[in-house]
All heavy atoms as atom14 arrays in JSON, in Angstrom:
{
  "sequence": "PHLSTHALLDLSLARNRGIGVAGIAALAPHLPRTLRRLNLCN",
  "atom14_mask": [
    [1, 1, 1, 1, 1, 1, 1, 0, 0, 0, 0, 0, 0, 0],
    [1, 1, 1, 1, 1, 1, 1, 1, 1, 1, 0, 0, 0, 0],
    [1, 1, 1, 1, 1, 1, 1, 1, 0, 0, 0, 0, 0, 0],
    [1, 1, 1, 1, 1, 1, 0, 0, 0, 0, 0, 0, 0, 0],
    [1, 1, 1, 1, 1, 1, 1, 0, 0, 0, 0, 0, 0, 0],
    [1, 1, 1, 1, 1, 1, 1, 1, 1, 1, 0, 0, 0, 0],
    [1, 1, 1, 1, 1, 0, 0, 0, 0, 0, 0, 0, 0, 0],
    [1, 1, 1, 1, 1, 1, 1, 1, 0, 0, 0, 0, 0, 0],
    [1, 1, 1, 1, 1, 1, 1, 1, 0, 0, 0, 0, 0, 0],
    [1, 1, 1, 1, 1, 1, 1, 1, 0, 0, 0, 0, 0, 0],
    [1, 1, 1, 1, 1, 1, 1, 1, 0, 0, 0, 0, 0, 0],
    [1, 1, 1, 1, 1, 1, 0, 0, 0, 0, 0, 0, 0, 0],
    [1, 1, 1, 1, 1, 1, 1, 1, 0, 0, 0, 0, 0, 0],
    [1, 1, 1, 1, 1, 0, 0, 0, 0, 0, 0, 0, 0, 0],
    [1, 1, 1, 1, 1, 1, 1, 1, 1, 1, 1, 0, 0, 0],
    [1, 1, 1, 1, 1, 1, 1, 1, 0, 0, 0, 0, 0, 0],
    [1, 1, 1, 1, 1, 1, 1, 1, 1, 1, 1, 0, 0, 0],
    [1, 1, 1, 1, 0, 0, 0, 0, 0, 0, 0, 0, 0, 0],
    [1, 1, 1, 1, 1, 1, 1, 1, 0, 0, 0, 0, 0, 0],
    [1, 1, 1, 1, 0, 0, 0, 0, 0, 0, 0, 0, 0, 0],
    [1, 1, 1, 1, 1, 1, 1, 0, 0, 0, 0, 0, 0, 0],
    [1, 1, 1, 1, 1, 0, 0, 0, 0, 0, 0, 0, 0, 0],
    [1, 1, 1, 1, 0, 0, 0, 0, 0, 0, 0, 0, 0, 0],
    [1, 1, 1, 1, 1, 1, 1, 1, 0, 0, 0, 0, 0, 0],
    [1, 1, 1, 1, 1, 0, 0, 0, 0, 0, 0, 0, 0, 0],
    [1, 1, 1, 1, 1, 0, 0, 0, 0, 0, 0, 0, 0, 0],
    [1, 1, 1, 1, 1, 1, 1, 1, 0, 0, 0, 0, 0, 0],
    [1, 1, 1, 1, 1, 0, 0, 0, 0, 0, 0, 0, 0, 0],
    [1, 1, 1, 1, 1, 1, 1, 0, 0, 0, 0, 0, 0, 0],
    [1, 1, 1, 1, 1, 1, 1, 1, 1, 1, 0, 0, 0, 0],
    [1, 1, 1, 1, 1, 1, 1, 1, 0, 0, 0, 0, 0, 0],
    [1, 1, 1, 1, 1, 1, 1, 0, 0, 0, 0, 0, 0, 0],
    [1, 1, 1, 1, 1, 1, 1, 1, 1, 1, 1, 0, 0, 0],
    [1, 1, 1, 1, 1, 1, 1, 0, 0, 0, 0, 0, 0, 0],
    [1, 1, 1, 1, 1, 1, 1, 1, 0, 0, 0, 0, 0, 0],
    [1, 1, 1, 1, 1, 1, 1, 1, 1, 1, 1, 0, 0, 0],
    [1, 1, 1, 1, 1, 1, 1, 1, 1, 1, 1, 0, 0, 0],
    [1, 1, 1, 1, 1, 1, 1, 1, 0, 0, 0, 0, 0, 0],
    [1, 1, 1, 1, 1, 1, 1, 1, 0, 0, 0, 0, 0, 0],
    [1, 1, 1, 1, 1, 1, 1, 1, 0, 0, 0, 0, 0, 0],
    [1, 1, 1, 1, 1, 1, 0, 0, 0, 0, 0, 0, 0, 0],
    [1, 1, 1, 1, 1, 1, 1, 1, 0, 0, 0, 0, 0, 0]
  ],
  "atom14_positions": [
    [[1.79, -9.16, 0.81], [2.42, -10.01, -0.2], [1.52, -10.35, -1.38], [2.01, -10.6, -2.49], [2.75, -11.29, 0.6], [2.86, -10.83, 2.02], [1.84, -9.75, 2.15], [0.0, 0.0, 0.0], [0.0, 0.0, 0.0], [0.0, 0.0, 0.0], [0.0, 0.0, 0.0], [0.0, 0.0, 0.0], [0.0, 0.0, 0.0], [0.0, 0.0, 0.0]],
    [[0.2, -10.3, -1.17], [-0.73, -10.62, -2.27], [-0.95, -9.42, -3.19], [-1.39, -9.59, -4.33], [-2.07, -11.07, -1.7], [-1.96, -12.28, -0.8], [-1.56, -13.52, -1.25], [-2.17, -12.42, 0.53], [-1.55, -14.37, -0.24], [-1.92, -13.74, 0.84], [0.0, 0.0, 0.0], [0.0, 0.0, 0.0], [0.0, 0.0, 0.0], [0.0, 0.0, 0.0]],
    [[-0.64, -8.21, -2.71], [-0.84, -7.03, -3.55], [0.1, -7.03, -4.75], [-0.28, -6.62, -5.84], [-0.6, -5.76, -2.71], [-1.6, -5.49, -1.58], [-1.16, -4.28, -0.77], [-3.0, -5.27, -2.13], [0.0, 0.0, 0.0], [0.0, 0.0, 0.0], [0.0, 0.0, 0.0], [0.0, 0.0, 0.0], [0.0, 0.0, 0.0], [0.0, 0.0, 0.0]],
    [[1.31, -7.51, -4.55], [2.3, -7.47, -5.63], [1.99, -8.47, -6.73], [2.62, -8.42, -7.8], [3.7, -7.73, -5.06], [3.73, -8.98, -4.39], [0.0, 0.0, 0.0], [0.0, 0.0, 0.0], [0.0, 0.0, 0.0], [0.0, 0.0, 0.0], [0.0, 0.0, 0.0], [0.0, 0.0, 0.0], [0.0, 0.0, 0.0], [0.0, 0.0, 0.0]],
    [[1.03, -9.37, -6.52], [0.65, -10.33, -7.57], [-0.34, -9.73, -8.56], [-0.68, -10.37, -9.55], [0.04, -11.6, -6.94], [-1.19, -11.25, -6.29], [1.0, -12.23, -5.95], [0.0, 0.0, 0.0], [0.0, 0.0, 0.0], [0.0, 0.0, 0.0], [0.0, 0.0, 0.0], [0.0, 0.0, 0.0], [0.0, 0.0, 0.0], [0.0, 0.0, 0.0]],
    [[-0.81, -8.53, -8.27], [-1.78, -7.86, -9.14], [-1.14, -6.62, -9.77], [-0.28, -5.97, -9.17], [-3.02, -7.44, -8.35], [-3.77, -8.58, -7.76], [-4.66, -9.34, -8.48], [-3.76, -9.11, -6.51], [-5.18, -10.29, -7.72], [-4.65, -10.17, -6.51], [0.0, 0.0, 0.0], [0.0, 0.0, 0.0], [0.0, 0.0, 0.0], [0.0, 0.0, 0.0]],
    [[-1.58, -6.29, -10.97], [-1.09, -5.09, -11.65], [-1.94, -3.9, -11.25], [-2.63, -3.28, -12.06], [-1.12, -5.3, -13.17], [0.0, 0.0, 0.0], [0.0, 0.0, 0.0], [0.0, 0.0, 0.0], [0.0, 0.0, 0.0], [0.0, 0.0, 0.0], [0.0, 0.0, 0.0], [0.0, 0.0, 0.0], [0.0, 0.0, 0.0], [0.0, 0.0, 0.0]],
    [[-1.86, -3.55, -9.99], [-2.7, -2.47, -9.46], [-2.29, -1.12, -10.01], [-1.11, -0.8, -10.1], [-2.61, -2.44, -7.93], [-3.23, -3.61, -7.16], [-2.95, -3.46, -5.66], [-4.72, -3.68, -7.41], [0.0, 0.0, 0.0], [0.0, 0.0, 0.0], [0.0, 0.0, 0.0], [0.0, 0.0, 0.0], [0.0, 0.0, 0.0], [0.0, 0.0, 0.0]],
    [[-3.3, -0.34, -10.34], [-3.09, 1.06, -10.71], [-3.42, 2.0, -9.57], [-2.88, 3.1, -9.47], [-3.95, 1.42, -11.93], [-3.73, 0.6, -13.19], [-4.73, 1.02, -14.26], [-2.31, 0.72, -13.69], [0.0, 0.0, 0.0], [0.0, 0.0, 0.0], [0.0, 0.0, 0.0], [0.0, 0.0, 0.0], [0.0, 0.0, 0.0], [0.0, 0.0, 0.0]],
    [[-4.34, 1.58, -8.7], [-4.84, 2.43, -7.62], [-4.93, 1.61, -6.33], [-5.57, 0.55, -6.31], [-6.23, 2.97, -8.0], [-6.76, 3.99, -6.99], [-6.1, 4.23, -5.96], [-7.87, 4.53, -7.23], [0.0, 0.0, 0.0], [0.0, 0.0, 0.0], [0.0, 0.0, 0.0], [0.0, 0.0, 0.0], [0.0, 0.0, 0.0], [0.0, 0.0, 0.0]],
    [[-4.28, 2.09, -5.27], [-4.31, 1.4, -3.99], [-4.59, 2.43, -2.9], [-3.92, 3.46, -2.81], [-2.97, 0.71, -3.71], [-2.83, 0.04, -2.32], [-3.86, -1.07, -2.15], [-1.4, -0.5, -2.15], [0.0, 0.0, 0.0], [0.0, 0.0, 0.0], [0.0, 0.0, 0.0], [0.0, 0.0, 0.0], [0.0, 0.0, 0.0], [0.0, 0.0, 0.0]],
    [[-5.6, 2.15, -2.07], [-5.96, 3.06, -0.99], [-6.05, 2.29, 0.34], [-6.79, 1.33, 0.44], [-7.31, 3.75, -1.28], [-7.7, 4.52, -0.16], [0.0, 0.0, 0.0], [0.0, 0.0, 0.0], [0.0, 0.0, 0.0], [0.0, 0.0, 0.0], [0.0, 0.0, 0.0], [0.0, 0.0, 0.0], [0.0, 0.0, 0.0], [0.0, 0.0, 0.0]],
    [[-5.27, 2.75, 1.32], [-5.36, 2.25, 2.68], [-5.58, 3.4, 3.65], [-5.2, 3.34, 4.82], [-4.08, 1.49, 3.07], [-3.85, 0.13, 2.4], [-3.11, 0.29, 1.08], [-3.08, -0.8, 3.32], [0.0, 0.0, 0.0], [0.0, 0.0, 0.0], [0.0, 0.0, 0.0], [0.0, 0.0, 0.0], [0.0, 0.0, 0.0], [0.0, 0.0, 0.0]],
    [[-6.21, 4.45, 3.18], [-6.37, 5.66, 3.97], [-7.27, 5.43, 5.19], [-8.13, 4.56, 5.19], [-6.96, 6.78, 3.11], [0.0, 0.0, 0.0], [0.0, 0.0, 0.0], [0.0, 0.0, 0.0], [0.0, 0.0, 0.0], [0.0, 0.0, 0.0], [0.0, 0.0, 0.0], [0.0, 0.0, 0.0], [0.0, 0.0, 0.0], [0.0, 0.0, 0.0]],
    [[-7.03, 6.22, 6.2], [-7.79, 6.25, 7.43], [-7.76, 4.9, 8.17], [-8.77, 4.4, 8.64], [-9.22, 6.71, 7.19], [-9.86, 7.24, 8.46], [-11.16, 7.95, 8.2], [-11.73, 8.43, 9.45], [-12.86, 9.11, 9.56], [-13.53, 9.44, 8.48], [-13.31, 9.5, 10.74], [0.0, 0.0, 0.0], [0.0, 0.0, 0.0], [0.0, 0.0, 0.0]],
    [[-6.59, 4.32, 8.22], [-6.36, 3.12, 9.03], [-5.17, 3.43, 9.94], [-4.02, 3.08, 9.65], [-6.05, 1.92, 8.13], [-7.24, 1.42, 7.36], [-8.13, 0.79, 7.91], [-7.27, 1.72, 6.07], [0.0, 0.0, 0.0], [0.0, 0.0, 0.0], [0.0, 0.0, 0.0], [0.0, 0.0, 0.0], [0.0, 0.0, 0.0], [0.0, 0.0, 0.0]],
    [[-5.44, 4.07, 11.05], [-4.36, 4.54, 11.91], [-3.68, 3.4, 12.67], [-2.64, 3.61, 13.29], [-4.88, 5.58, 12.89], [-5.37, 6.87, 12.2], [-5.53, 8.01, 13.18], [-4.3, 8.38, 13.84], [-3.35, 9.14, 13.31], [-3.49, 9.61, 12.08], [-2.27, 9.44, 13.99], [0.0, 0.0, 0.0], [0.0, 0.0, 0.0], [0.0, 0.0, 0.0]],
    [[-4.22, 2.21, 12.59], [-3.56, 1.08, 13.2], [-2.37, 0.58, 12.41], [-1.61, -0.27, 12.88], [0.0, 0.0, 0.0], [0.0, 0.0, 0.0], [0.0, 0.0, 0.0], [0.0, 0.0, 0.0], [0.0, 0.0, 0.0], [0.0, 0.0, 0.0], [0.0, 0.0, 0.0], [0.0, 0.0, 0.0], [0.0, 0.0, 0.0], [0.0, 0.0, 0.0]],
    [[-2.21, 1.08, 11.19], [-1.09, 0.64, 10.34], [0.24, 1.09, 10.94], [1.13, 0.28, 11.17], [-1.27, 1.16, 8.91], [-2.49, 0.49, 8.25], [-0.02, 0.9, 8.08], [-2.77, 0.97, 6.84], [0.0, 0.0, 0.0], [0.0, 0.0, 0.0], [0.0, 0.0, 0.0], [0.0, 0.0, 0.0], [0.0, 0.0, 0.0], [0.0, 0.0, 0.0]],
    [[0.39, 2.37, 11.17], [1.58, 2.9, 11.81], [2.87, 2.63, 11.04], [2.86, 2.23, 9.88], [0.0, 0.0, 0.0], [0.0, 0.0, 0.0], [0.0, 0.0, 0.0], [0.0, 0.0, 0.0], [0.0, 0.0, 0.0], [0.0, 0.0, 0.0], [0.0, 0.0, 0.0], [0.0, 0.0, 0.0], [0.0, 0.0, 0.0], [0.0, 0.0, 0.0]],
    [[3.98, 2.85, 11.71], [5.31, 2.7, 11.09], [5.55, 1.26, 10.67], [6.01, 0.98, 9.56], [6.42, 3.16, 12.07], [7.79, 2.97, 11.45], [6.21, 4.63, 12.45], [0.0, 0.0, 0.0], [0.0, 0.0, 0.0], [0.0, 0.0, 0.0], [0.0, 0.0, 0.0], [0.0, 0.0, 0.0], [0.0, 0.0, 0.0], [0.0, 0.0, 0.0]],
    [[5.23, 0.31, 11.56], [5.49, -1.1, 11.27], [4.67, -1.58, 10.08], [5.16, -2.37, 9.26], [5.18, -1.95, 12.5], [0.0, 0.0, 0.0], [0.0, 0.0, 0.0], [0.0, 0.0, 0.0], [0.0, 0.0, 0.0], [0.0, 0.0, 0.0], [0.0, 0.0, 0.0], [0.0, 0.0, 0.0], [0.0, 0.0, 0.0], [0.0, 0.0, 0.0]],
    [[3.44, -1.12, 9.99], [2.59, -1.52, 8.86], [3.11, -0.97, 7.54], [3.1, -1.67, 6.51], [0.0, 0.0, 0.0], [0.0, 0.0, 0.0], [0.0, 0.0, 0.0], [0.0, 0.0, 0.0], [0.0, 0.0, 0.0], [0.0, 0.0, 0.0], [0.0, 0.0, 0.0], [0.0, 0.0, 0.0], [0.0, 0.0, 0.0], [0.0, 0.0, 0.0]],
    [[3.56, 0.29, 7.53], [4.13, 0.88, 6.31], [5.38, 0.14, 5.9], [5.62, -0.12, 4.71], [4.41, 2.37, 6.52], [3.11, 3.15, 6.75], [5.18, 2.96, 5.34], [2.17, 3.14, 5.57], [0.0, 0.0, 0.0], [0.0, 0.0, 0.0], [0.0, 0.0, 0.0], [0.0, 0.0, 0.0], [0.0, 0.0, 0.0], [0.0, 0.0, 0.0]],
    [[6.2, -0.22, 6.88], [7.43, -0.96, 6.58], [7.12, -2.33, 5.99], [7.87, -2.83, 5.13], [8.26, -1.12, 7.85], [0.0, 0.0, 0.0], [0.0, 0.0, 0.0], [0.0, 0.0, 0.0], [0.0, 0.0, 0.0], [0.0, 0.0, 0.0], [0.0, 0.0, 0.0], [0.0, 0.0, 0.0], [0.0, 0.0, 0.0], [0.0, 0.0, 0.0]],
    [[6.02, -2.94, 6.41], [5.62, -4.24, 5.86], [5.02, -4.09, 4.47], [5.16, -4.98, 3.61], [4.61, -4.91, 6.8], [0.0, 0.0, 0.0], [0.0, 0.0, 0.0], [0.0, 0.0, 0.0], [0.0, 0.0, 0.0], [0.0, 0.0, 0.0], [0.0, 0.0, 0.0], [0.0, 0.0, 0.0], [0.0, 0.0, 0.0], [0.0, 0.0, 0.0]],
    [[4.33, -2.99, 4.23], [3.66, -2.76, 2.94], [4.63, -2.37, 1.83], [4.52, -2.85, 0.7], [2.6, -1.68, 3.11], [1.96, -1.11, 1.85], [1.05, -2.16, 1.2], [1.17, 0.16, 2.15], [0.0, 0.0, 0.0], [0.0, 0.0, 0.0], [0.0, 0.0, 0.0], [0.0, 0.0, 0.0], [0.0, 0.0, 0.0], [0.0, 0.0, 0.0]],
    [[5.55, -1.48, 2.14], [6.39, -0.83, 1.13], [7.07, -1.8, 0.16], [7.04, -1.59, -1.06], [7.41, 0.08, 1.82], [0.0, 0.0, 0.0], [0.0, 0.0, 0.0], [0.0, 0.0, 0.0], [0.0, 0.0, 0.0], [0.0, 0.0, 0.0], [0.0, 0.0, 0.0], [0.0, 0.0, 0.0], [0.0, 0.0, 0.0], [0.0, 0.0, 0.0]],
    [[7.72, -2.88, 0.63], [8.42, -3.76, -0.33], [7.49, -4.48, -1.29], [7.96, -5.01, -2.31], [9.14, -4.77, 0.58], [9.18, -4.12, 1.93], [7.93, -3.31, 2.02], [0.0, 0.0, 0.0], [0.0, 0.0, 0.0], [0.0, 0.0, 0.0], [0.0, 0.0, 0.0], [0.0, 0.0, 0.0], [0.0, 0.0, 0.0], [0.0, 0.0, 0.0]],
    [[6.21, -4.52, -1.0], [5.26, -5.27, -1.83], [4.4, -4.36, -2.71], [3.44, -4.84, -3.32], [4.35, -6.11, -0.93], [5.09, -7.12, -0.11], [5.62, -8.27, -0.64], [5.41, -7.13, 1.22], [6.22, -8.96, 0.32], [6.1, -8.3, 1.45], [0.0, 0.0, 0.0], [0.0, 0.0, 0.0], [0.0, 0.0, 0.0], [0.0, 0.0, 0.0]],
    [[4.71, -3.08, -2.78], [3.93, -2.18, -3.63], [4.1, -2.58, -5.08], [5.23, -2.72, -5.58], [4.37, -0.73, -3.43], [4.0, -0.08, -2.09], [4.62, 1.31, -2.0], [2.49, -0.01, -1.91], [0.0, 0.0, 0.0], [0.0, 0.0, 0.0], [0.0, 0.0, 0.0], [0.0, 0.0, 0.0], [0.0, 0.0, 0.0], [0.0, 0.0, 0.0]],
    [[3.02, -2.77, -5.82], [3.13, -3.13, -7.24], [3.85, -2.05, -8.04], [3.63, -0.87, -7.82], [1.66, -3.26, -7.68], [0.9, -3.51, -6.42], [1.61, -2.75, -5.36], [0.0, 0.0, 0.0], [0.0, 0.0, 0.0], [0.0, 0.0, 0.0], [0.0, 0.0, 0.0], [0.0, 0.0, 0.0], [0.0, 0.0, 0.0], [0.0, 0.0, 0.0]],
    [[4.67, -2.47, -8.95], [5.43, -1.52, -9.77], [4.53, -0.75, -10.73], [4.94, 0.25, -11.32], [6.5, -2.24, -10.57], [7.51, -3.01, -9.74], [8.38, -2.09, -8.91], [7.84, -1.88, -7.55], [8.33, -1.03, -6.67], [9.33, -0.25, -7.0], [7.8, -0.93, -5.47], [0.0, 0.0, 0.0], [0.0, 0.0, 0.0], [0.0, 0.0, 0.0]],
    [[3.3, -1.24, -10.9], [2.37, -0.63, -11.85], [1.57, 0.52, -11.26], [0.79, 1.16, -11.96], [1.38, -1.69, -12.37], [0.75, -2.33, -11.24], [2.11, -2.74, -13.21], [0.0, 0.0, 0.0], [0.0, 0.0, 0.0], [0.0, 0.0, 0.0], [0.0, 0.0, 0.0], [0.0, 0.0, 0.0], [0.0, 0.0, 0.0], [0.0, 0.0, 0.0]],
    [[1.71, 0.76, -9.96], [0.87, 1.76, -9.28], [0.99, 3.14, -9.92], [2.09, 3.61, -10.22], [1.26, 1.86, -7.8], [0.54, 0.94, -6.81], [0.99, 1.27, -5.39], [-0.96, 1.07, -6.93], [0.0, 0.0, 0.0], [0.0, 0.0, 0.0], [0.0, 0.0, 0.0], [0.0, 0.0, 0.0], [0.0, 0.0, 0.0], [0.0, 0.0, 0.0]],
    [[-0.17, 3.79, -10.08], [-0.22, 5.18, -10.52], [-0.72, 6.09, -9.41], [-0.42, 7.27, -9.4], [-1.15, 5.31, -11.75], [-0.65, 4.58, -12.97], [0.63, 5.21, -13.5], [1.11, 4.51, -14.68], [1.97, 3.51, -14.67], [2.45, 3.07, -13.5], [2.38, 2.93, -15.77], [0.0, 0.0, 0.0], [0.0, 0.0, 0.0], [0.0, 0.0, 0.0]],
    [[-1.52, 5.54, -8.48], [-2.08, 6.34, -7.4], [-2.0, 5.56, -6.1], [-2.43, 4.4, -6.05], [-3.53, 6.72, -7.7], [-4.19, 7.61, -6.67], [-5.62, 7.95, -7.08], [-6.24, 8.92, -6.18], [-6.92, 8.59, -5.08], [-7.06, 7.29, -4.75], [-7.44, 9.52, -4.31], [0.0, 0.0, 0.0], [0.0, 0.0, 0.0], [0.0, 0.0, 0.0]],
    [[-1.45, 6.18, -5.05], [-1.32, 5.54, -3.75], [-1.83, 6.49, -2.68], [-1.33, 7.6, -2.53], [0.14, 5.18, -3.48], [0.47, 4.55, -2.12], [-0.29, 3.26, -1.93], [1.98, 4.32, -1.99], [0.0, 0.0, 0.0], [0.0, 0.0, 0.0], [0.0, 0.0, 0.0], [0.0, 0.0, 0.0], [0.0, 0.0, 0.0], [0.0, 0.0, 0.0]],
    [[-2.85, 6.05, -1.94], [-3.46, 6.87, -0.9], [-3.17, 6.25, 0.46], [-3.71, 5.2, 0.81], [-4.98, 6.98, -1.13], [-5.64, 7.95, -0.16], [-5.01, 8.45, 0.78], [-6.89, 8.25, -0.39], [0.0, 0.0, 0.0], [0.0, 0.0, 0.0], [0.0, 0.0, 0.0], [0.0, 0.0, 0.0], [0.0, 0.0, 0.0], [0.0, 0.0, 0.0]],
    [[-2.31, 6.92, 1.23], [-1.95, 6.47, 2.58], [-2.24, 7.56, 3.61], [-1.56, 7.65, 4.64], [-0.47, 6.08, 2.63], [-0.06, 4.87, 1.78], [1.45, 4.69, 1.8], [-0.75, 3.61, 2.25], [0.0, 0.0, 0.0], [0.0, 0.0, 0.0], [0.0, 0.0, 0.0], [0.0, 0.0, 0.0], [0.0, 0.0, 0.0], [0.0, 0.0, 0.0]],
    [[-3.25, 8.37, 3.34], [-3.6, 9.44, 4.27], [-4.05, 8.86, 5.62], [-4.75, 7.86, 5.67], [-4.74, 10.29, 3.69], [-4.29, 11.26, 2.25], [0.0, 0.0, 0.0], [0.0, 0.0, 0.0], [0.0, 0.0, 0.0], [0.0, 0.0, 0.0], [0.0, 0.0, 0.0], [0.0, 0.0, 0.0], [0.0, 0.0, 0.0], [0.0, 0.0, 0.0]],
    [[-3.64, 9.55, 6.66], [-4.13, 9.22, 8.01], [-3.87, 7.76, 8.39], [-4.75, 7.06, 8.85], [-5.63, 9.52, 8.08], [-6.09, 9.8, 9.51], [-5.28, 9.85, 10.44], [-7.38, 9.97, 9.69], [0.0, 0.0, 0.0], [0.0, 0.0, 0.0], [0.0, 0.0, 0.0], [0.0, 0.0, 0.0], [0.0, 0.0, 0.0], [0.0, 0.0, 0.0]]
  ]
}
C-alpha cells in the first residue's frame, strides 16, 4: 500500500520466492501507474 504513494519508475522484488501467488495478488493493485520497469523474476 505504501508503494502507490510514490511515483516509482523502477521497482524490483526479484529473487524473493516467499512472495508466491498470494504476494503477487497483494502487490498488483498497488503498483504505481508511473512504473517504467518492473522486476519480478524468481
